Amino acid sequence: MNYRDGRTVGLGDIVTVTVGPNKTAKARVVMLGEDYSHLEIEQSFLEWVRRDKVLAECDVVLDFIESNPFKHEDKRYSPVGNYMFTSLDAGVVLIDEYL
């Protein structure tokens, strides 16, 4: 599994991810879809991902390391967790300073 620039994705990589027009957030790669390898993550989340097979082989799970850009307090909508499923498209970029 590789980033768009050809570098190999690794657990614990710090990336920027596009979360809106001209807006990015920092996140850590915590799970790989190709083999379901993972860092320490919430057990209930891990069980759900494995049981329901909701992670595509070409996707990763990110954990926001700063404030969650999708968090809200509006009770009309479902609450937002800190994990994000995403593909490794142009919106996910490895941050070199953390290598």
Foldseek 3Di string as FASTA:
>chain_A
DAAPVRHDDDFQFWKWFDDDVVDIFIWTFAAALLVRDGDDDDPVVSVCCVVVVPAHNQKTKIFTPDDQPPADDDPVDDGDDRIDIDGNYPRIGGDVVVD
